[in-house]
Amino acid sequence: MRVVRRYREVTAEFLVSDLPPMMSGHWLMKRTRASAERTWTDPVAALDWLTKHFLDHPPMEREDGKQTYSGLDAKRGYALAVLPVGVDVSWVYYNRSGNLVSLNMVCCPNLHHPELICPLT
């Protein structure tokens, strides 16, 4: 009984905390993080937002001039292939100042979490 009670407490805390989820689709559980101005029905419009933020915070460059991460064209191509079928996209990398950048698109309905309800419906 104590374990069940603690599980319920942790679940309630997660829903309103700043703690990121372990699985990207679980962002849909955080109703307070949902926002109509960051919601798109067109994958291209969503990808444009993602690309803008990527370009505003470009990834670090290696000292030897070689590519550190996959290129933007590859990232965009993959995203355009998977977003329309309900697969989340996450771009996580270190930027030029050494900070971690995490850009995420979470699909709703979500292919991998079909039981989760869209927060803005």
PDB file of N, CA and C in Angstrom:
ATOM      1  N   MET A   1       0.821  -1.188   0.000  1.00  0.00           N
ATOM      2  CA  MET A   1       0.000   0.000   0.000  1.00  0.00           C
ATOM      3  C   MET A   1       0.869   1.258   0.000  1.00  0.00           C
ATOM      4  N   ARG A   2       1.969   1.230   0.767  1.00  0.00           N
ATOM      5  CA  ARG A   2       2.870   2.371   0.851  1.00  0.00           C
ATOM      6  C   ARG A   2       3.531   2.644  -0.498  1.00  0.00           C
ATOM      7  N   VAL A   3       3.881   1.581  -1.209  1.00  0.00           N
ATOM      8  CA  VAL A   3       4.514   1.722  -2.524  1.00  0.00           C
ATOM      9  C   VAL A   3       3.537   2.341  -3.520  1.00  0.00           C
ATOM     10  N   VAL A   4       2.312   1.904  -3.497  1.00  0.00           N
ATOM     11  CA  VAL A   4       1.284   2.440  -4.395  1.00  0.00           C
ATOM     12  C   VAL A   4       1.049   3.916  -4.101  1.00  0.00           C
ATOM     13  N   ARG A   5       0.991   4.271  -2.841  1.00  0.00           N
ATOM     14  CA  ARG A   5       0.793   5.668  -2.455  1.00  0.00           C
ATOM     15  C   ARG A   5       1.963   6.535  -2.951  1.00  0.00           C
ATOM     16  N   ARG A   6       3.189   6.034  -2.766  1.00  0.00           N
ATOM     17  CA  ARG A   6       4.361   6.797  -3.222  1.00  0.00           C
ATOM     18  C   ARG A   6       4.377   6.927  -4.743  1.00  0.00           C
ATOM     19  N   TYR A   7       3.979   5.872  -5.447  1.00  0.00           N
ATOM     20  CA  TYR A   7       3.895   5.926  -6.911  1.00  0.00           C
ATOM     21  C   TYR A   7       2.925   7.026  -7.341  1.00  0.00           C
ATOM     22  N   ARG A   8       1.796   7.116  -6.702  1.00  0.00           N
ATOM     23  CA  ARG A   8       0.807   8.152  -7.032  1.00  0.00           C
ATOM     24  C   ARG A   8       1.351   9.549  -6.741  1.00  0.00           C
ATOM     25  N   GLU A   9       2.089   9.703  -5.641  1.00  0.00           N
ATOM     26  CA  GLU A   9       2.690  10.998  -5.312  1.00  0.00           C
ATOM     27  C   GLU A   9       3.710  11.419  -6.370  1.00  0.00           C
ATOM     28  N   VAL A  10       4.558  10.497  -6.751  1.00  0.00           N
ATOM     29  CA  VAL A  10       5.595  10.792  -7.754  1.00  0.00           C
ATOM     30  C   VAL A  10       4.955  11.134  -9.086  1.00  0.00           C
ATOM     31  N   THR A  11       3.925  10.411  -9.477  1.00  0.00           N
ATOM     32  CA  THR A  11       3.227  10.685 -10.727  1.00  0.00           C
ATOM     33  C   THR A  11       2.627  12.087 -10.718  1.00  0.00           C
ATOM     34  N   ALA A  12       1.993  12.460  -9.622  1.00  0.00           N
ATOM     35  CA  ALA A  12       1.404  13.797  -9.509  1.00  0.00           C
ATOM     36  C   ALA A  12       2.480  14.876  -9.557  1.00  0.00           C
ATOM     37  N   GLU A  13       3.614  14.646  -8.909  1.00  0.00           N
ATOM     38  CA  GLU A  13       4.714  15.607  -8.916  1.00  0.00           C
ATOM     39  C   GLU A  13       5.288  15.771 -10.324  1.00  0.00           C
ATOM     40  N   PHE A  14       5.448  14.663 -11.035  1.00  0.00           N
ATOM     41  CA  PHE A  14       6.013  14.698 -12.386  1.00  0.00           C
ATOM     42  C   PHE A  14       5.185  15.579 -13.314  1.00  0.00           C
ATOM     43  N   LEU A  15       3.884  15.500 -13.199  1.00  0.00           N
ATOM     44  CA  LEU A  15       2.995  16.224 -14.105  1.00  0.00           C
ATOM     45  C   LEU A  15       3.172  17.731 -14.040  1.00  0.00           C
ATOM     46  N   VAL A  16       3.621  18.260 -12.915  1.00  0.00           N
ATOM     47  CA  VAL A  16       3.759  19.712 -12.761  1.00  0.00           C
ATOM     48  C   VAL A  16       5.205  20.175 -12.564  1.00  0.00           C
ATOM     49  N   SER A  17       6.142  19.246 -12.560  1.00  0.00           N
ATOM     50  CA  SER A  17       7.539  19.611 -12.313  1.00  0.00           C
ATOM     51  C   SER A  17       8.235  20.043 -13.604  1.00  0.00           C
ATOM     52  N   ASP A  18       9.435  20.618 -13.445  1.00  0.00           N
ATOM     53  CA  ASP A  18      10.275  20.974 -14.577  1.00  0.00           C
ATOM     54  C   ASP A  18      11.113  19.794 -15.051  1.00  0.00           C
ATOM     55  N   LEU A  19      11.024  18.687 -14.370  1.00  0.00           N
ATOM     56  CA  LEU A  19      11.794  17.503 -14.698  1.00  0.00           C
ATOM     57  C   LEU A  19      11.390  16.968 -16.072  1.00  0.00           C
ATOM     58  N   PRO A  20      12.358  16.807 -16.994  1.00  0.00           N
ATOM     59  CA  PRO A  20      11.998  16.266 -18.316  1.00  0.00           C
ATOM     60  C   PRO A  20      11.693  14.777 -18.214  1.00  0.00           C
ATOM     61  N   PRO A  21      10.854  14.280 -19.086  1.00  0.00           N
ATOM     62  CA  PRO A  21      10.525  12.852 -19.045  1.00  0.00           C
ATOM     63  C   PRO A  21      11.644  11.991 -19.618  1.00  0.00           C
ATOM     64  N   MET A  22      11.621  10.710 -19.274  1.00  0.00           N
ATOM     65  CA  MET A  22      12.592   9.759 -19.820  1.00  0.00           C
ATOM     66  C   MET A  22      12.270   9.434 -21.279  1.00  0.00           C
ATOM     67  N   MET A  23      11.006   9.482 -21.644  1.00  0.00           N
ATOM     68  CA  MET A  23      10.575   9.228 -23.019  1.00  0.00           C
ATOM     69  C   MET A  23       9.887  10.480 -23.551  1.00  0.00           C
ATOM     70  N   SER A  24      10.254  10.899 -24.746  1.00  0.00           N
ATOM     71  CA  SER A  24       9.750  12.171 -25.272  1.00  0.00           C
ATOM     72  C   SER A  24       8.227  12.238 -25.315  1.00  0.00           C
ATOM     73  N   GLY A  25       7.572  11.141 -25.635  1.00  0.00           N
ATOM     74  CA  GLY A  25       6.110  11.144 -25.702  1.00  0.00           C
ATOM     75  C   GLY A  25       5.440  11.491 -24.387  1.00  0.00           C
ATOM     76  N   HIS A  26       6.149  11.309 -23.298  1.00  0.00           N
ATOM     77  CA  HIS A  26       5.564  11.614 -21.986  1.00  0.00           C
ATOM     78  C   HIS A  26       5.439  13.111 -21.720  1.00  0.00           C
ATOM     79  N   TRP A  27       5.993  13.955 -22.619  1.00  0.00           N
ATOM     80  CA  TRP A  27       5.722  15.395 -22.515  1.00  0.00           C
ATOM     81  C   TRP A  27       4.221  15.641 -22.615  1.00  0.00           C
ATOM     82  N   LEU A  28       3.504  14.766 -23.318  1.00  0.00           N
ATOM     83  CA  LEU A  28       2.061  14.936 -23.475  1.00  0.00           C
ATOM     84  C   LEU A  28       1.327  14.853 -22.139  1.00  0.00           C
ATOM     85  N   MET A  29       1.944  14.264 -21.144  1.00  0.00           N
ATOM     86  CA  MET A  29       1.329  14.159 -19.822  1.00  0.00           C
ATOM     87  C   MET A  29       1.423  15.471 -19.054  1.00  0.00           C
ATOM     88  N   LYS A  30       2.322  16.331 -19.445  1.00  0.00           N
ATOM     89  CA  LYS A  30       2.547  17.590 -18.728  1.00  0.00           C
ATOM     90  C   LYS A  30       1.633  18.671 -19.311  1.00  0.00           C
ATOM     91  N   ARG A  31       0.422  18.692 -18.872  1.00  0.00           N
ATOM     92  CA  ARG A  31      -0.593  19.608 -19.402  1.00  0.00           C
ATOM     93  C   ARG A  31      -0.177  21.078 -19.261  1.00  0.00           C
ATOM     94  N   THR A  32       0.555  21.411 -18.212  1.00  0.00           N
ATOM     95  CA  THR A  32       0.944  22.806 -17.998  1.00  0.00           C
ATOM     96  C   THR A  32       2.012  23.261 -18.982  1.00  0.00           C
ATOM     97  N   ARG A  33       2.638  22.334 -19.695  1.00  0.00           N
ATOM     98  CA  ARG A  33       3.671  22.673 -20.681  1.00  0.00           C
ATOM     99  C   ARG A  33       3.093  22.823 -22.083  1.00  0.00           C
ATOM    100  N   ALA A  34       1.852  22.436 -22.277  1.00  0.00           N
ATOM    101  CA  ALA A  34       1.218  22.515 -23.593  1.00  0.00           C
ATOM    102  C   ALA A  34       0.887  23.963 -23.918  1.00  0.00           C
ATOM    103  N   SER A  35       1.036  24.297 -25.190  1.00  0.00           N
ATOM    104  CA  SER A  35       0.801  25.670 -25.605  1.00  0.00           C
ATOM    105  C   SER A  35       0.330  25.681 -27.054  1.00  0.00           C
ATOM    106  N   ALA A  36      -0.750  26.365 -27.317  1.00  0.00           N
ATOM    107  CA  ALA A  36      -1.302  26.415 -28.669  1.00  0.00           C
ATOM    108  C   ALA A  36      -0.340  27.060 -29.657  1.00  0.00           C
ATOM    109  N   GLU A  37       0.435  28.053 -29.210  1.00  0.00           N
ATOM    110  CA  GLU A  37       1.359  28.723 -30.135  1.00  0.00           C
ATOM    111  C   GLU A  37       2.574  27.864 -30.476  1.00  0.00           C
ATOM    112  N   ARG A  38       2.756  26.761 -29.773  1.00  0.00           N
ATOM    113  CA  ARG A  38       3.829  25.820 -30.109  1.00  0.00           C
ATOM    114  C   ARG A  38       3.245  24.494 -30.572  1.00  0.00           C
ATOM    115  N   THR A  39       2.103  24.560 -31.220  1.00  0.00           N
ATOM    116  CA  THR A  39       1.427  23.362 -31.702  1.00  0.00           C
ATOM    117  C   THR A  39       1.143  23.531 -33.185  1.00  0.00           C
ATOM    118  N   TRP A  40       1.475  22.506 -33.947  1.00  0.00           N
ATOM    119  CA  TRP A  40       1.294  22.571 -35.391  1.00  0.00           C
ATOM    120  C   TRP A  40       0.559  21.334 -35.883  1.00  0.00           C
ATOM    121  N   THR A  41      -0.184  21.497 -36.953  1.00  0.00           N
ATOM    122  CA  THR A  41      -0.808  20.359 -37.625  1.00  0.00           C
ATOM    123  C   THR A  41      -0.051  20.019 -38.907  1.00  0.00           C
ATOM    124  N   ASP A  42       0.804  20.923 -39.348  1.00  0.00           N
ATOM    125  CA  ASP A  42       1.608  20.735 -40.547  1.00  0.00           C
ATOM    126  C   ASP A  42       3.041  20.395 -40.139  1.00  0.00           C
ATOM    127  N   PRO A  43       3.541  19.187 -40.501  1.00  0.00           N
ATOM    128  CA  PRO A  43       4.916  18.821 -40.128  1.00  0.00           C
ATOM    129  C   PRO A  43       5.974  19.786 -40.662  1.00  0.00           C
ATOM    130  N   VAL A  44       5.750  20.385 -41.820  1.00  0.00           N
ATOM    131  CA  VAL A  44       6.725  21.322 -42.384  1.00  0.00           C
ATOM    132  C   VAL A  44       6.825  22.572 -41.510  1.00  0.00           C
ATOM    133  N   ALA A  45       5.695  23.077 -41.035  1.00  0.00           N
ATOM    134  CA  ALA A  45       5.702  24.246 -40.148  1.00  0.00           C
ATOM    135  C   ALA A  45       6.406  23.914 -38.830  1.00  0.00           C
ATOM    136  N   ALA A  46       6.169  22.727 -38.304  1.00  0.00           N
ATOM    137  CA  ALA A  46       6.838  22.298 -37.073  1.00  0.00           C
ATOM    138  C   ALA A  46       8.343  22.197 -37.303  1.00  0.00           C
ATOM    139  N   LEU A  47       8.722  21.647 -38.435  1.00  0.00           N
ATOM    140  CA  LEU A  47      10.137  21.504 -38.759  1.00  0.00           C
ATOM    141  C   LEU A  47      10.803  22.858 -38.975  1.00  0.00           C
ATOM    142  N   ASP A  48      10.072  23.812 -39.511  1.00  0.00           N
ATOM    143  CA  ASP A  48      10.621  25.167 -39.662  1.00  0.00           C
ATOM    144  C   ASP A  48      10.954  25.770 -38.292  1.00  0.00           C
ATOM    145  N   TRP A  49      10.082  25.552 -37.316  1.00  0.00           N
ATOM    146  CA  TRP A  49      10.347  26.029 -35.950  1.00  0.00           C
ATOM    147  C   TRP A  49      11.597  25.352 -35.394  1.00  0.00           C
ATOM    148  N   LEU A  50      11.672  24.032 -35.559  1.00  0.00           N
ATOM    149  CA  LEU A  50      12.811  23.267 -35.071  1.00  0.00           C
ATOM    150  C   LEU A  50      14.104  23.752 -35.723  1.00  0.00           C
ATOM    151  N   THR A  51      14.062  23.956 -37.035  1.00  0.00           N
ATOM    152  CA  THR A  51      15.236  24.414 -37.783  1.00  0.00           C
ATOM    153  C   THR A  51      15.674  25.796 -37.334  1.00  0.00           C
ATOM    154  N   LYS A  52      14.721  26.696 -37.113  1.00  0.00           N
ATOM    155  CA  LYS A  52      15.062  28.054 -36.664  1.00  0.00           C
ATOM    156  C   LYS A  52      15.840  28.003 -35.356  1.00  0.00           C
ATOM    157  N   HIS A  53      15.368  27.197 -34.413  1.00  0.00           N
ATOM    158  CA  HIS A  53      16.049  27.103 -33.120  1.00  0.00           C
ATOM    159  C   HIS A  53      17.405  26.416 -33.254  1.00  0.00           C
ATOM    160  N   PHE A  54      17.506  25.452 -34.161  1.00  0.00           N
ATOM    161  CA  PHE A  54      18.790  24.811 -34.428  1.00  0.00           C
ATOM    162  C   PHE A  54      19.788  25.844 -34.969  1.00  0.00           C
ATOM    163  N   LEU A  55      19.353  26.654 -35.916  1.00  0.00           N
ATOM    164  CA  LEU A  55      20.237  27.656 -36.506  1.00  0.00           C
ATOM    165  C   LEU A  55      20.580  28.779 -35.516  1.00  0.00           C
ATOM    166  N   ASP A  56      19.650  29.090 -34.600  1.00  0.00           N
ATOM    167  CA  ASP A  56      19.919  30.092 -33.562  1.00  0.00           C
ATOM    168  C   ASP A  56      20.959  29.599 -32.555  1.00  0.00           C
ATOM    169  N   HIS A  57      21.066  28.283 -32.407  1.00  0.00           N
ATOM    170  CA  HIS A  57      21.992  27.665 -31.444  1.00  0.00           C
ATOM    171  C   HIS A  57      22.742  26.544 -32.157  1.00  0.00           C
ATOM    172  N   PRO A  58      23.649  26.893 -33.078  1.00  0.00           N
ATOM    173  CA  PRO A  58      24.327  25.866 -33.881  1.00  0.00           C
ATOM    174  C   PRO A  58      25.220  24.960 -33.041  1.00  0.00           C
ATOM    175  N   PRO A  59      25.428  23.744 -33.536  1.00  0.00           N
ATOM    176  CA  PRO A  59      26.251  22.803 -32.783  1.00  0.00           C
ATOM    177  C   PRO A  59      27.725  23.188 -32.772  1.00  0.00           C
ATOM    178  N   MET A  60      28.422  22.623 -31.810  1.00  0.00           N
ATOM    179  CA  MET A  60      29.861  22.859 -31.699  1.00  0.00           C
ATOM    180  C   MET A  60      30.570  22.342 -32.945  1.00  0.00           C
ATOM    181  N   GLU A  61      31.745  22.856 -33.155  1.00  0.00           N
ATOM    182  CA  GLU A  61      32.563  22.416 -34.279  1.00  0.00           C
ATOM    183  C   GLU A  61      33.811  21.737 -33.736  1.00  0.00           C
ATOM    184  N   ARG A  62      34.243  20.706 -34.407  1.00  0.00           N
ATOM    185  CA  ARG A  62      35.466  20.013 -33.995  1.00  0.00           C
ATOM    186  C   ARG A  62      36.692  20.835 -34.373  1.00  0.00           C
ATOM    187  N   GLU A  63      37.739  20.688 -33.630  1.00  0.00           N
ATOM    188  CA  GLU A  63      38.974  21.424 -33.907  1.00  0.00           C
ATOM    189  C   GLU A  63      39.608  21.012 -35.226  1.00  0.00           C
ATOM    190  N   ASP A  64      39.378  19.753 -35.626  1.00  0.00           N
ATOM    191  CA  ASP A  64      39.978  19.278 -36.874  1.00  0.00           C
ATOM    192  C   ASP A  64      39.119  19.600 -38.098  1.00  0.00           C
ATOM    193  N   GLY A  65      38.004  20.304 -37.885  1.00  0.00           N
ATOM    194  CA  GLY A  65      37.151  20.717 -38.988  1.00  0.00           C
ATOM    195  C   GLY A  65      36.157  19.663 -39.449  1.00  0.00           C
ATOM    196  N   LYS A  66      36.242  18.456 -38.918  1.00  0.00           N
ATOM    197  CA  LYS A  66      35.293  17.410 -39.310  1.00  0.00           C
ATOM    198  C   LYS A  66      33.951  17.659 -38.642  1.00  0.00           C
ATOM    199  N   GLN A  67      32.936  17.072 -39.232  1.00  0.00           N
ATOM    200  CA  GLN A  67      31.574  17.261 -38.732  1.00  0.00           C
ATOM    201  C   GLN A  67      31.399  16.557 -37.388  1.00  0.00           C
ATOM    202  N   THR A  68      30.793  17.250 -36.447  1.00  0.00           N
ATOM    203  CA  THR A  68      30.573  16.696 -35.113  1.00  0.00           C
ATOM    204  C   THR A  68      29.285  15.880 -35.056  1.00  0.00           C
ATOM    205  N   TYR A  69      28.242  16.394 -35.672  1.00  0.00           N
ATOM    206  CA  TYR A  69      26.924  15.758 -35.650  1.00  0.00           C
ATOM    207  C   TYR A  69      26.431  15.601 -37.083  1.00  0.00           C
ATOM    208  N   SER A  70      25.357  14.844 -37.253  1.00  0.00           N
ATOM    209  CA  SER A  70      24.783  14.730 -38.594  1.00  0.00           C
ATOM    210  C   SER A  70      24.306  16.109 -39.045  1.00  0.00           C
ATOM    211  N   GLY A  71      24.346  16.341 -40.335  1.00  0.00           N
ATOM    212  CA  GLY A  71      24.024  17.643 -40.881  1.00  0.00           C
ATOM    213  C   GLY A  71      22.545  17.982 -40.820  1.00  0.00           C
ATOM    214  N   LEU A  72      22.254  19.244 -40.997  1.00  0.00           N
ATOM    215  CA  LEU A  72      20.881  19.731 -40.931  1.00  0.00           C
ATOM    216  C   LEU A  72      20.002  19.090 -41.999  1.00  0.00           C
ATOM    217  N   ASP A  73      20.529  18.890 -43.205  1.00  0.00           N
ATOM    218  CA  ASP A  73      19.724  18.261 -44.257  1.00  0.00           C
ATOM    219  C   ASP A  73      19.301  16.849 -43.861  1.00  0.00           C
ATOM    220  N   ALA A  74      20.209  16.090 -43.269  1.00  0.00           N
ATOM    221  CA  ALA A  74      19.883  14.731 -42.820  1.00  0.00           C
ATOM    222  C   ALA A  74      18.844  14.770 -41.698  1.00  0.00           C
ATOM    223  N   LYS A  75      19.016  15.695 -40.769  1.00  0.00           N
ATOM    224  CA  LYS A  75      18.058  15.827 -39.664  1.00  0.00           C
ATOM    225  C   LYS A  75      16.669  16.179 -40.185  1.00  0.00           C
ATOM    226  N   ARG A  76      16.622  17.142 -41.103  1.00  0.00           N
ATOM    227  CA  ARG A  76      15.332  17.565 -41.667  1.00  0.00           C
ATOM    228  C   ARG A  76      14.685  16.433 -42.460  1.00  0.00           C
ATOM    229  N   GLY A  77      15.466  15.722 -43.246  1.00  0.00           N
ATOM    230  CA  GLY A  77      14.932  14.612 -44.033  1.00  0.00           C
ATOM    231  C   GLY A  77      14.310  13.538 -43.157  1.00  0.00           C
ATOM    232  N   TYR A  78      15.015  13.181 -42.096  1.00  0.00           N
ATOM    233  CA  TYR A  78      14.482  12.178 -41.171  1.00  0.00           C
ATOM    234  C   TYR A  78      13.190  12.682 -40.524  1.00  0.00           C
ATOM    235  N   ALA A  79      13.227  13.916 -40.044  1.00  0.00           N
ATOM    236  CA  ALA A  79      12.041  14.479 -39.376  1.00  0.00           C
ATOM    237  C   ALA A  79      10.840  14.502 -40.314  1.00  0.00           C
ATOM    238  N   LEU A  80      11.044  14.896 -41.552  1.00  0.00           N
ATOM    239  CA  LEU A  80       9.933  14.932 -42.515  1.00  0.00           C
ATOM    240  C   LEU A  80       9.387  13.545 -42.805  1.00  0.00           C
ATOM    241  N   ALA A  81      10.206  12.531 -42.656  1.00  0.00           N
ATOM    242  CA  ALA A  81       9.749  11.156 -42.885  1.00  0.00           C
ATOM    243  C   ALA A  81       8.953  10.603 -41.709  1.00  0.00           C
ATOM    244  N   VAL A  82       9.323  10.972 -40.478  1.00  0.00           N
ATOM    245  CA  VAL A  82       8.707  10.327 -39.313  1.00  0.00           C
ATOM    246  C   VAL A  82       7.612  11.136 -38.626  1.00  0.00           C
ATOM    247  N   LEU A  83       7.691  12.461 -38.663  1.00  0.00           N
ATOM    248  CA  LEU A  83       6.655  13.257 -37.988  1.00  0.00           C
ATOM    249  C   LEU A  83       5.240  12.943 -38.495  1.00  0.00           C
ATOM    250  N   PRO A  84       5.020  12.815 -39.808  1.00  0.00           N
ATOM    251  CA  PRO A  84       3.661  12.552 -40.278  1.00  0.00           C
ATOM    252  C   PRO A  84       3.062  11.216 -39.817  1.00  0.00           C
ATOM    253  N   VAL A  85       3.911  10.285 -39.376  1.00  0.00           N
ATOM    254  CA  VAL A  85       3.382   9.000 -38.914  1.00  0.00           C
ATOM    255  C   VAL A  85       3.351   8.895 -37.389  1.00  0.00           C
ATOM    256  N   GLY A  86       3.600  10.016 -36.698  1.00  0.00           N
ATOM    257  CA  GLY A  86       3.446  10.053 -35.248  1.00  0.00           C
ATOM    258  C   GLY A  86       4.674   9.691 -34.448  1.00  0.00           C
ATOM    259  N   VAL A  87       5.867   9.797 -35.056  1.00  0.00           N
ATOM    260  CA  VAL A  87       7.102   9.493 -34.339  1.00  0.00           C
ATOM    261  C   VAL A  87       7.763  10.805 -33.914  1.00  0.00           C
ATOM    262  N   ASP A  88       8.131  10.878 -32.649  1.00  0.00           N
ATOM    263  CA  ASP A  88       8.773  12.074 -32.106  1.00  0.00           C
ATOM    264  C   ASP A  88      10.155  12.285 -32.713  1.00  0.00           C
ATOM    265  N   VAL A  89      10.605  13.541 -32.696  1.00  0.00           N
ATOM    266  CA  VAL A  89      11.931  13.897 -33.183  1.00  0.00           C
ATOM    267  C   VAL A  89      12.646  14.664 -32.081  1.00  0.00           C
ATOM    268  N   SER A  90      13.872  14.244 -31.775  1.00  0.00           N
ATOM    269  CA  SER A  90      14.689  14.932 -30.778  1.00  0.00           C
ATOM    270  C   SER A  90      16.054  15.227 -31.371  1.00  0.00           C
ATOM    271  N   TRP A  91      16.445  16.486 -31.300  1.00  0.00           N
ATOM    272  CA  TRP A  91      17.789  16.902 -31.706  1.00  0.00           C
ATOM    273  C   TRP A  91      18.491  17.359 -30.439  1.00  0.00           C
ATOM    274  N   VAL A  92      19.484  16.612 -30.014  1.00  0.00           N
ATOM    275  CA  VAL A  92      20.211  16.928 -28.788  1.00  0.00           C
ATOM    276  C   VAL A  92      21.694  16.995 -29.128  1.00  0.00           C
ATOM    277  N   TYR A  93      22.322  18.099 -28.760  1.00  0.00           N
ATOM    278  CA  TYR A  93      23.727  18.303 -29.104  1.00  0.00           C
ATOM    279  C   TYR A  93      24.312  19.394 -28.209  1.00  0.00           C
ATOM    280  N   TYR A  94      25.637  19.505 -28.244  1.00  0.00           N
ATOM    281  CA  TYR A  94      26.308  20.599 -27.548  1.00  0.00           C
ATOM    282  C   TYR A  94      26.507  21.753 -28.527  1.00  0.00           C
ATOM    283  N   ASN A  95      26.191  22.952 -28.076  1.00  0.00           N
ATOM    284  CA  ASN A  95      26.376  24.120 -28.952  1.00  0.00           C
ATOM    285  C   ASN A  95      27.794  24.658 -28.821  1.00  0.00           C
ATOM    286  N   ARG A  96      28.065  25.732 -29.522  1.00  0.00           N
ATOM    287  CA  ARG A  96      29.428  26.272 -29.589  1.00  0.00           C
ATOM    288  C   ARG A  96      29.946  26.793 -28.258  1.00  0.00           C
ATOM    289  N   SER A  97      29.053  27.144 -27.355  1.00  0.00           N
ATOM    290  CA  SER A  97      29.498  27.601 -26.036  1.00  0.00           C
ATOM    291  C   SER A  97      29.600  26.446 -25.042  1.00  0.00           C
ATOM    292  N   GLY A  98      29.326  25.222 -25.503  1.00  0.00           N
ATOM    293  CA  GLY A  98      29.466  24.050 -24.641  1.00  0.00           C
ATOM    294  C   GLY A  98      28.222  23.666 -23.870  1.00  0.00           C
ATOM    295  N   ASN A  99      27.111  24.352 -24.123  1.00  0.00           N
ATOM    296  CA  ASN A  99      25.855  24.030 -23.449  1.00  0.00           C
ATOM    297  C   ASN A  99      25.103  22.953 -24.219  1.00  0.00           C
ATOM    298  N   LEU A 100      24.364  22.142 -23.493  1.00  0.00           N
ATOM    299  CA  LEU A 100      23.548  21.117 -24.112  1.00  0.00           C
ATOM    300  C   LEU A 100      22.268  21.744 -24.651  1.00  0.00           C
ATOM    301  N   VAL A 101      21.949  21.474 -25.907  1.00  0.00           N
ATOM    302  CA  VAL A 101      20.721  21.950 -26.534  1.00  0.00           C
ATOM    303  C   VAL A 101      19.838  20.733 -26.784  1.00  0.00           C
ATOM    304  N   SER A 102      18.583  20.812 -26.404  1.00  0.00           N
ATOM    305  CA  SER A 102      17.643  19.724 -26.613  1.00  0.00           C
ATOM    306  C   SER A 102      16.380  20.293 -27.243  1.00  0.00           C
ATOM    307  N   LEU A 103      16.176  19.972 -28.519  1.00  0.00           N
ATOM    308  CA  LEU A 103      15.004  20.425 -29.265  1.00  0.00           C
ATOM    309  C   LEU A 103      14.148  19.199 -29.555  1.00  0.00           C
ATOM    310  N   ASN A 104      12.871  19.269 -29.208  1.00  0.00           N
ATOM    311  CA  ASN A 104      12.000  18.101 -29.330  1.00  0.00           C
ATOM    312  C   ASN A 104      10.681  18.440 -29.987  1.00  0.00           C
ATOM    313  N   MET A 105      10.240  17.559 -30.845  1.00  0.00           N
ATOM    314  CA  MET A 105       8.896  17.606 -31.423  1.00  0.00           C
ATOM    315  C   MET A 105       8.192  16.344 -30.953  1.00  0.00           C
ATOM    316  N   VAL A 106       7.079  16.520 -30.269  1.00  0.00           N
ATOM    317  CA  VAL A 106       6.327  15.382 -29.749  1.00  0.00           C
ATOM    318  C   VAL A 106       5.015  15.295 -30.517  1.00  0.00           C
ATOM    319  N   CYS A 107       4.765  14.125 -31.088  1.00  0.00           N
ATOM    320  CA  CYS A 107       3.573  13.939 -31.919  1.00  0.00           C
ATOM    321  C   CYS A 107       2.356  13.572 -31.090  1.00  0.00           C
ATOM    322  N   CYS A 108       1.239  14.039 -31.562  1.00  0.00           N
ATOM    323  CA  CYS A 108      -0.029  13.746 -30.916  1.00  0.00           C
ATOM    324  C   CYS A 108      -1.086  13.639 -32.017  1.00  0.00           C
ATOM    325  N   PRO A 109      -1.671  12.492 -32.260  1.00  0.00           N
ATOM    326  CA  PRO A 109      -1.455  11.250 -31.522  1.00  0.00           C
ATOM    327  C   PRO A 109      -0.048  10.716 -31.740  1.00  0.00           C
ATOM    328  N   ASN A 110       0.405   9.958 -30.752  1.00  0.00           N
ATOM    329  CA  ASN A 110       1.782   9.490 -30.716  1.00  0.00           C
ATOM    330  C   ASN A 110       1.822   8.001 -31.027  1.00  0.00           C
ATOM    331  N   LEU A 111       2.608   7.626 -32.024  1.00  0.00           N
ATOM    332  CA  LEU A 111       2.696   6.228 -32.451  1.00  0.00           C
ATOM    333  C   LEU A 111       3.108   5.311 -31.304  1.00  0.00           C
ATOM    334  N   HIS A 112       4.050   5.741 -30.497  1.00  0.00           N
ATOM    335  CA  HIS A 112       4.578   4.888 -29.435  1.00  0.00           C
ATOM    336  C   HIS A 112       3.835   5.016 -28.108  1.00  0.00           C
ATOM    337  N   HIS A 113       2.981   6.002 -27.980  1.00  0.00           N
ATOM    338  CA  HIS A 113       2.193   6.204 -26.756  1.00  0.00           C
ATOM    339  C   HIS A 113       0.748   6.518 -27.137  1.00  0.00           C
ATOM    340  N   PRO A 114       0.068   5.600 -27.815  1.00  0.00           N
ATOM    341  CA  PRO A 114      -1.284   5.885 -28.310  1.00  0.00           C
ATOM    342  C   PRO A 114      -2.304   6.138 -27.198  1.00  0.00           C
ATOM    343  N   GLU A 115      -2.000   5.697 -25.992  1.00  0.00           N
ATOM    344  CA  GLU A 115      -2.933   5.875 -24.880  1.00  0.00           C
ATOM    345  C   GLU A 115      -2.927   7.295 -24.316  1.00  0.00           C
ATOM    346  N   LEU A 116      -1.892   8.072 -24.651  1.00  0.00           N
ATOM    347  CA  LEU A 116      -1.800   9.439 -24.122  1.00  0.00           C
ATOM    348  C   LEU A 116      -2.673  10.394 -24.940  1.00  0.00           C
ATOM    349  N   ILE A 117      -3.422  11.188 -24.248  1.00  0.00           N
ATOM    350  CA  ILE A 117      -4.357  12.121 -24.866  1.00  0.00           C
ATOM    351  C   ILE A 117      -3.627  13.422 -25.200  1.00  0.00           C
ATOM    352  N   CYS A 118      -3.951  14.006 -26.344  1.00  0.00           N
ATOM    353  CA  CYS A 118      -3.362  15.288 -26.711  1.00  0.00           C
ATOM    354  C   CYS A 118      -3.775  16.341 -25.691  1.00  0.00           C
ATOM    355  N   PRO A 119      -2.828  17.107 -25.169  1.00  0.00           N
ATOM    356  CA  PRO A 119      -3.148  18.060 -24.093  1.00  0.00           C
ATOM    357  C   PRO A 119      -4.015  19.243 -24.522  1.00  0.00           C
ATOM    358  N   LEU A 120      -4.068  19.564 -25.798  1.00  0.00           N
ATOM    359  CA  LEU A 120      -4.835  20.743 -26.230  1.00  0.00           C
ATOM    360  C   LEU A 120      -6.193  20.387 -26.839  1.00  0.00           C
ATOM    361  N   THR A 121      -6.591  19.125 -26.743  1.00  0.00           N
ATOM    362  CA  THR A 121      -7.900  18.745 -27.293  1.00  0.00           C
ATOM    363  C   THR A 121      -8.960  18.775 -26.225  1.00  0.00           C
TER     364      THR A 121
END
